[in-house]
Amino acid sequence: MAFIITKYAHFLGILLLFSSCLLEYQRLKPILTRAEVKRLARVDIVFGLSALLVLMSGLAMALWLAKPLDYYLNNWIFHFKYSLFIVIGLISAYPTVFFIRNRRGNDADTLDLPRGMKTVITLELTGILCLPLLGILMAAGFGAIR
């Protein structure tokens, strides 16, 4: 039963991760009011918490609940998937720092969207879309290092 609950939490986390990232993307525009930045900061909190849920539930499955740990450690797709997840987390720092630094002040103030912000979030979305496919391939036995 623990495996089912953990796997379900993992799926919900991935859905939340993608939805919050997509919402950030949709709400971005060249000039934002501080009120909009505050809302984006709240969405970014959901993004971060859902990433934590994906990470913790994924680790729980790999370490205790799913296949033996050697199955994952000897699979190049697992290493690629985990590395991609880390890269997504690292590049997500760019929007997060912008939202945190600019959320305080008068709600009517306007701010220019930093150059490349939309590109960063597009890269995040693309990476997030690849994660489930990599998980399916890995679970089906692809990527085993012999």
Protein backbone atom coordinates (compact mmCIF):
# COMPACT_ATOMS: atom_id res chain seq x y z
CA MET A 1 0.00 0.00 0.00
CA ALA A 2 2.90 2.37 0.75
CA PHE A 3 4.16 1.88 -2.80
CA ILE A 4 0.79 2.82 -4.31
CA ILE A 5 0.44 5.94 -2.17
CA THR A 6 4.02 7.00 -2.88
CA LYS A 7 3.67 6.42 -6.63
CA TYR A 8 0.41 8.38 -6.65
CA ALA A 9 2.10 11.24 -4.78
CA HIS A 10 4.89 11.10 -7.36
CA PHE A 11 2.39 11.42 -10.23
CA LEU A 12 0.50 14.24 -8.51
CA GLY A 13 3.80 16.02 -7.90
CA ILE A 14 4.71 15.79 -11.59
CA LEU A 15 1.29 17.15 -12.58
CA LEU A 16 1.60 20.03 -10.11
CA LEU A 17 5.16 20.71 -11.24
CA PHE A 18 4.12 20.99 -14.88
CA SER A 19 0.93 22.97 -14.18
CA SER A 20 2.64 25.54 -11.98
CA CYS A 21 5.45 25.96 -14.51
CA LEU A 22 2.91 26.36 -17.32
CA LEU A 23 0.98 28.93 -15.27
CA GLU A 24 4.19 30.91 -14.72
CA TYR A 25 4.84 30.81 -18.46
CA GLN A 26 1.32 31.95 -19.31
CA ARG A 27 1.36 34.82 -16.81
CA LEU A 28 4.69 36.28 -17.95
CA LYS A 29 4.64 39.41 -20.06
CA PRO A 30 7.26 42.02 -20.96
CA ILE A 31 6.10 44.44 -18.25
CA LEU A 32 4.68 43.15 -14.97
CA THR A 33 3.09 44.99 -12.07
CA ARG A 34 4.44 44.21 -8.64
CA ALA A 35 1.05 42.64 -7.81
CA GLU A 36 1.55 40.23 -10.72
CA VAL A 37 5.06 39.43 -9.50
CA LYS A 38 3.62 38.63 -6.05
CA ARG A 39 1.15 36.21 -7.64
CA LEU A 40 3.93 34.64 -9.69
CA ALA A 41 5.98 34.25 -6.50
CA ARG A 42 3.12 32.26 -4.95
CA VAL A 43 2.89 30.06 -8.05
CA ASP A 44 6.66 29.59 -7.84
CA ILE A 45 6.26 28.34 -4.25
CA VAL A 46 3.86 25.67 -5.55
CA PHE A 47 6.45 24.83 -8.22
CA GLY A 48 9.16 24.40 -5.58
CA LEU A 49 7.00 22.34 -3.23
CA SER A 50 5.84 20.07 -6.05
CA ALA A 51 9.48 19.56 -7.12
CA LEU A 52 10.24 18.54 -3.54
CA LEU A 53 7.30 16.10 -3.58
CA VAL A 54 8.55 14.57 -6.86
CA LEU A 55 12.08 14.26 -5.50
CA MET A 56 11.13 12.77 -2.13
CA SER A 57 8.57 10.31 -3.50
CA GLY A 58 10.95 9.29 -6.30
CA LEU A 59 13.77 8.68 -3.85
CA ALA A 60 11.47 6.71 -1.55
CA MET A 61 10.48 4.46 -4.43
CA ALA A 62 14.09 4.01 -5.61
CA LEU A 63 15.49 3.35 -2.14
CA TRP A 64 12.78 1.30 -0.45
CA LEU A 65 9.58 0.64 -2.34
CA ALA A 66 10.13 -0.26 -5.99
CA LYS A 67 12.82 -2.31 -7.68
CA PRO A 68 16.17 -2.99 -5.95
CA LEU A 69 18.48 0.04 -5.83
CA ASP A 70 20.99 -1.67 -8.15
CA TYR A 71 18.33 -1.62 -10.88
CA TYR A 72 18.39 2.18 -10.81
CA LEU A 73 22.09 2.67 -10.19
CA ASN A 74 22.94 0.47 -13.19
CA ASN A 75 20.61 2.27 -15.57
CA TRP A 76 21.85 5.19 -17.66
CA ILE A 77 18.28 6.46 -18.16
CA PHE A 78 17.92 6.83 -14.38
CA HIS A 79 21.12 8.87 -14.25
CA PHE A 80 19.97 11.00 -17.19
CA LYS A 81 16.53 11.53 -15.64
CA TYR A 82 17.95 12.47 -12.26
CA SER A 83 20.49 14.82 -13.90
CA LEU A 84 17.74 16.45 -15.95
CA PHE A 85 15.69 16.98 -12.79
CA ILE A 86 18.69 18.66 -11.13
CA VAL A 87 19.26 20.90 -14.17
CA ILE A 88 15.59 21.92 -14.12
CA GLY A 89 15.95 22.77 -10.44
CA LEU A 90 19.09 24.81 -11.05
CA ILE A 91 17.69 26.86 -13.91
CA SER A 92 14.47 27.46 -11.97
CA ALA A 93 16.55 29.55 -9.56
CA TYR A 94 16.60 32.38 -12.14
CA PRO A 95 12.84 33.09 -12.05
CA THR A 96 12.64 32.31 -8.32
CA VAL A 97 15.29 34.89 -7.43
CA PHE A 98 13.58 37.48 -9.65
CA PHE A 99 10.19 36.87 -8.00
CA ILE A 100 11.61 36.98 -4.47
CA ARG A 101 13.65 40.14 -5.05
CA ASN A 102 10.82 42.03 -6.70
CA ARG A 103 7.68 41.05 -4.80
CA ARG A 104 7.88 43.82 -2.19
CA GLY A 105 6.73 47.35 -2.85
CA ASN A 106 3.79 49.21 -4.28
CA ASP A 107 1.43 46.88 -6.16
CA ALA A 108 1.07 49.42 -8.98
CA ASP A 109 4.82 49.62 -9.68
CA THR A 110 5.86 48.11 -12.98
CA LEU A 111 8.89 45.94 -13.67
CA ASP A 112 10.53 44.84 -16.88
CA LEU A 113 10.73 41.09 -17.32
CA PRO A 114 14.40 40.07 -17.39
CA ARG A 115 15.78 39.02 -20.72
CA GLY A 116 15.61 35.28 -21.26
CA MET A 117 13.09 34.57 -18.47
CA LYS A 118 10.52 33.14 -20.89
CA THR A 119 13.23 30.99 -22.49
CA VAL A 120 14.26 29.60 -19.10
CA ILE A 121 10.69 28.64 -18.27
CA THR A 122 10.27 27.09 -21.74
CA LEU A 123 13.36 24.96 -21.05
CA GLU A 124 11.87 23.95 -17.68
CA LEU A 125 8.59 22.91 -19.34
CA THR A 126 10.42 20.92 -22.00
CA GLY A 127 12.52 19.14 -19.38
CA ILE A 128 9.50 18.39 -17.21
CA LEU A 129 7.71 16.86 -20.22
CA CYS A 130 10.67 14.52 -20.76
CA LEU A 131 10.71 13.20 -17.18
CA PRO A 132 7.65 10.88 -17.41
CA LEU A 133 8.86 9.42 -20.71
CA LEU A 134 12.25 8.65 -19.18
CA GLY A 135 10.48 7.04 -16.20
CA ILE A 136 8.38 4.85 -18.50
CA LEU A 137 11.43 3.76 -20.49
CA MET A 138 13.35 2.97 -17.31
CA ALA A 139 10.47 1.00 -15.79
CA ALA A 140 10.18 -0.99 -19.03
CA GLY A 141 13.78 -2.11 -18.69
CA PHE A 142 15.49 0.20 -21.16
CA GLY A 143 18.86 1.71 -20.28
CA ALA A 144 20.30 -1.13 -18.24
CA ILE A 145 24.09 -1.02 -18.11
CA ARG A 146 25.39 -4.53 -18.61
